[in-house]
Each structure stands twice: as structure tokens, then as C-alpha cells.
C-alpha atoms as a PDB file:
ATOM      1  CA  MET A   1     -15.983  -0.278  29.580  1.00  0.00           C
ATOM      2  CA  LYS A   2     -13.189  -2.416  31.780  1.00  0.00           C
ATOM      3  CA  ASN A   3     -13.151  -5.169  29.167  1.00  0.00           C
ATOM      4  CA  ARG A   4     -13.077  -3.159  26.333  1.00  0.00           C
ATOM      5  CA  LEU A   5      -9.182  -4.225  25.101  1.00  0.00           C
ATOM      6  CA  ALA A   6      -9.966  -7.893  26.052  1.00  0.00           C
ATOM      7  CA  ILE A   7     -13.302  -7.332  23.742  1.00  0.00           C
ATOM      8  CA  SER A   8     -11.307  -5.700  21.202  1.00  0.00           C
ATOM      9  CA  ALA A   9      -8.794  -8.232  20.946  1.00  0.00           C
ATOM     10  CA  LEU A  10     -10.673 -11.058  21.025  1.00  0.00           C
ATOM     11  CA  LYS A  11     -12.657  -9.288  17.819  1.00  0.00           C
ATOM     12  CA  ALA A  12      -8.918  -8.615  16.316  1.00  0.00           C
ATOM     13  CA  PHE A  13      -8.164 -12.579  16.495  1.00  0.00           C
ATOM     14  CA  SER A  14     -10.844 -13.443  14.708  1.00  0.00           C
ATOM     15  CA  ILE A  15     -10.247 -11.656  12.118  1.00  0.00           C
ATOM     16  CA  TYR A  16      -7.082 -12.574  12.160  1.00  0.00           C
ATOM     17  CA  ALA A  17      -7.396 -16.508  12.015  1.00  0.00           C
ATOM     18  CA  VAL A  18      -9.792 -16.181   9.265  1.00  0.00           C
ATOM     19  CA  VAL A  19      -7.026 -13.812   7.192  1.00  0.00           C
ATOM     20  CA  ILE A  20      -4.076 -16.617   8.204  1.00  0.00           C
ATOM     21  CA  VAL A  21      -5.752 -19.181   6.714  1.00  0.00           C
ATOM     22  CA  LEU A  22      -6.643 -17.338   4.045  1.00  0.00           C
ATOM     23  CA  MET A  23      -2.863 -16.406   3.247  1.00  0.00           C
ATOM     24  CA  VAL A  24      -1.706 -20.105   3.574  1.00  0.00           C
ATOM     25  CA  ILE A  25      -4.312 -21.432   1.005  1.00  0.00           C
ATOM     26  CA  ALA A  26      -3.954 -18.552  -1.263  1.00  0.00           C
ATOM     27  CA  ALA A  27       0.119 -19.347  -1.296  1.00  0.00           C
ATOM     28  CA  GLU A  28      -0.642 -22.799  -1.966  1.00  0.00           C
ATOM     29  CA  PHE A  29      -2.423 -22.294  -4.960  1.00  0.00           C
ATOM     30  CA  SER A  30      -0.999 -18.736  -6.138  1.00  0.00           C
ATOM     31  CA  PRO A  31       2.871 -19.456  -6.992  1.00  0.00           C
ATOM     32  CA  PRO A  32       3.246 -15.527  -7.459  1.00  0.00           C
ATOM     33  CA  PHE A  33       1.182 -14.820  -4.368  1.00  0.00           C
ATOM     34  CA  LYS A  34       3.896 -16.838  -2.205  1.00  0.00           C
ATOM     35  CA  LYS A  35       6.740 -15.542  -3.766  1.00  0.00           C
ATOM     36  CA  PHE A  36       5.254 -12.147  -2.861  1.00  0.00           C
ATOM     37  CA  LEU A  37       5.339 -13.150   0.498  1.00  0.00           C
ATOM     38  CA  ALA A  38       8.603 -14.520   0.432  1.00  0.00           C
ATOM     39  CA  ASP A  39      10.071 -11.630  -0.722  1.00  0.00           C
ATOM     40  CA  LEU A  40       8.582  -9.996   2.150  1.00  0.00           C
ATOM     41  CA  THR A  41      10.556 -11.203   4.348  1.00  0.00           C
ATOM     42  CA  GLY A  42      12.979 -13.836   3.251  1.00  0.00           C
ATOM     43  CA  HIS A  43      10.472 -16.800   3.362  1.00  0.00           C
ATOM     44  CA  HIS A  44       7.014 -16.827   3.526  1.00  0.00           C
ATOM     45  CA  TRP A  45       5.736 -17.883   6.884  1.00  0.00           C
ATOM     46  CA  THR A  46       7.806 -15.488   8.469  1.00  0.00           C
ATOM     47  CA  ALA A  47       5.429 -12.569   6.061  1.00  0.00           C
ATOM     48  CA  LYS A  48       2.203 -14.387   7.120  1.00  0.00           C
ATOM     49  CA  GLY A  49       3.123 -14.369  10.873  1.00  0.00           C
ATOM     50  CA  VAL A  50       4.631 -10.625  10.171  1.00  0.00           C
ATOM     51  CA  ILE A  51       1.171  -9.439   8.570  1.00  0.00           C
ATOM     52  CA  GLY A  52      -0.873 -11.232  10.873  1.00  0.00           C
ATOM     53  CA  ALA A  53       0.711  -9.664  13.989  1.00  0.00           C
ATOM     54  CA  SER A  54       0.552  -6.231  12.345  1.00  0.00           C
ATOM     55  CA  LEU A  55      -2.799  -6.907  11.316  1.00  0.00           C
ATOM     56  CA  PHE A  56      -3.871  -7.899  15.227  1.00  0.00           C
ATOM     57  CA  ILE A  57      -2.543  -5.546  16.721  1.00  0.00           C
ATOM     58  CA  ILE A  58      -3.870  -2.505  14.190  1.00  0.00           C
ATOM     59  CA  LEU A  59      -7.950  -4.182  14.156  1.00  0.00           C
ATOM     60  CA  THR A  60      -7.216  -4.226  18.484  1.00  0.00           C
ATOM     61  CA  VAL A  61      -6.335  -0.707  18.835  1.00  0.00           C
ATOM     62  CA  ILE A  62      -9.284   0.350  16.045  1.00  0.00           C
ATOM     63  CA  PHE A  63     -11.520  -1.642  17.861  1.00  0.00           C
ATOM     64  CA  ASN A  64     -10.100  -0.762  21.050  1.00  0.00           C
ATOM     65  CA  ALA A  65     -10.613   3.076  19.763  1.00  0.00           C
ATOM     66  CA  LYS A  66     -14.281   2.576  18.759  1.00  0.00           C
ATOM     67  CA  GLY A  67     -15.385   1.228  22.361  1.00  0.00           C
ATOM     68  CA  SER A  68     -17.751  -1.332  22.590  1.00  0.00           C
ATOM     69  CA  ASP A  69     -20.393  -2.768  25.258  1.00  0.00           C
ATOM     70  CA  ASP A  70     -20.470  -6.314  23.449  1.00  0.00           C
ATOM     71  CA  ASN A  71     -20.625  -9.555  26.187  1.00  0.00           C
ATOM     72  CA  LEU A  72     -17.395 -10.811  26.553  1.00  0.00           C
ATOM     73  CA  GLY A  73     -18.632 -14.073  27.404  1.00  0.00           C
ATOM     74  CA  LYS A  74     -20.151 -13.836  23.623  1.00  0.00           C
ATOM     75  CA  ASN A  75     -16.234 -12.552  22.229  1.00  0.00           C
ATOM     76  CA  ILE A  76     -14.171 -15.229  23.913  1.00  0.00           C
ATOM     77  CA  ASN A  77     -17.359 -17.691  22.223  1.00  0.00           C
ATOM     78  CA  ILE A  78     -16.652 -16.710  18.729  1.00  0.00           C
ATOM     79  CA  ALA A  79     -12.760 -16.966  19.595  1.00  0.00           C
ATOM     80  CA  ILE A  80     -12.890 -19.983  20.610  1.00  0.00           C
ATOM     81  CA  PHE A  81     -15.159 -20.960  17.509  1.00  0.00           C
ATOM     82  CA  THR A  82     -13.443 -19.296  15.445  1.00  0.00           C
ATOM     83  CA  SER A  83     -10.061 -20.699  16.232  1.00  0.00           C
ATOM     84  CA  VAL A  84     -11.019 -23.720  16.256  1.00  0.00           C
ATOM     85  CA  SER A  85     -13.172 -23.800  12.635  1.00  0.00           C
ATOM     86  CA  ALA A  86      -9.880 -22.270  11.233  1.00  0.00           C
ATOM     87  CA  SER A  87      -7.807 -25.092  12.814  1.00  0.00           C
ATOM     88  CA  LEU A  88     -10.096 -27.711  11.495  1.00  0.00           C
ATOM     89  CA  VAL A  89     -10.062 -26.100   7.847  1.00  0.00           C
ATOM     90  CA  MET A  90      -6.178 -25.677   7.552  1.00  0.00           C
ATOM     91  CA  PHE A  91      -5.691 -29.841   9.116  1.00  0.00           C
ATOM     92  CA  LEU A  92      -8.182 -30.908   6.142  1.00  0.00           C
ATOM     93  CA  PHE A  93      -7.003 -28.284   3.653  1.00  0.00           C
ATOM     94  CA  PHE A  94      -3.062 -29.973   4.111  1.00  0.00           C
ATOM     95  CA  PHE A  95      -4.276 -33.516   4.904  1.00  0.00           C
ATOM     96  CA  ILE A  96      -6.468 -32.855   1.496  1.00  0.00           C
ATOM     97  CA  HIS A  97      -3.770 -31.050  -0.465  1.00  0.00           C
ATOM     98  CA  ALA A  98      -1.131 -34.205   0.269  1.00  0.00           C
ATOM     99  CA  MET A  99      -3.195 -36.859  -0.739  1.00  0.00           C
END
């Protein structure tokens, strides 16, 4: 259980990465959503950052409170895969969107 916080943070990161990508894409296709985000903090990117950071902290606390015997290495691999996949999706989205 000594790695419980690390495992919790890795799980939270994996969810955070997907949510951020979905918010970015949704904001590009939905002007009302983009405006809603901008109204929250003054700029839509700032709102995404605040929402993402809050989500990460909340999920880390929840996962840590639940406890887990998951394998640290497995969760590291999942986080790496999620990070690379999210980056690739974001890159491809803006590459295609710019055409």
C-alpha cells in the first residue's frame, strides 16, 4: 500500500488527460461551450486548466481514500499510453481542423 497515492494520481491523470482532450475538441465545435468556459475564468484555456487541475486533485483524493492494491507498473504504463494517445489525438485534431 506504500504506492497508493502514486497509483491514485496515475489513475486520476489518465482520466484528466481524456477529459481535457474532450473539452478542447468540444470547445472548438460548440461556441456556447467555449463561451461558457471563457465566462468562468476570463479565457477558455484558463477554465480548462482550472477544471482539469480540480478534477485531478478530486480524483486523486477519491482514489486514494478507496485504496487499491493495483500494480504501480501497470498504472504507469496506462498513464503513458493515455498521455501519448491524448497528445496524438490533440495533434491530429488541430492538424485536420487547420486544413
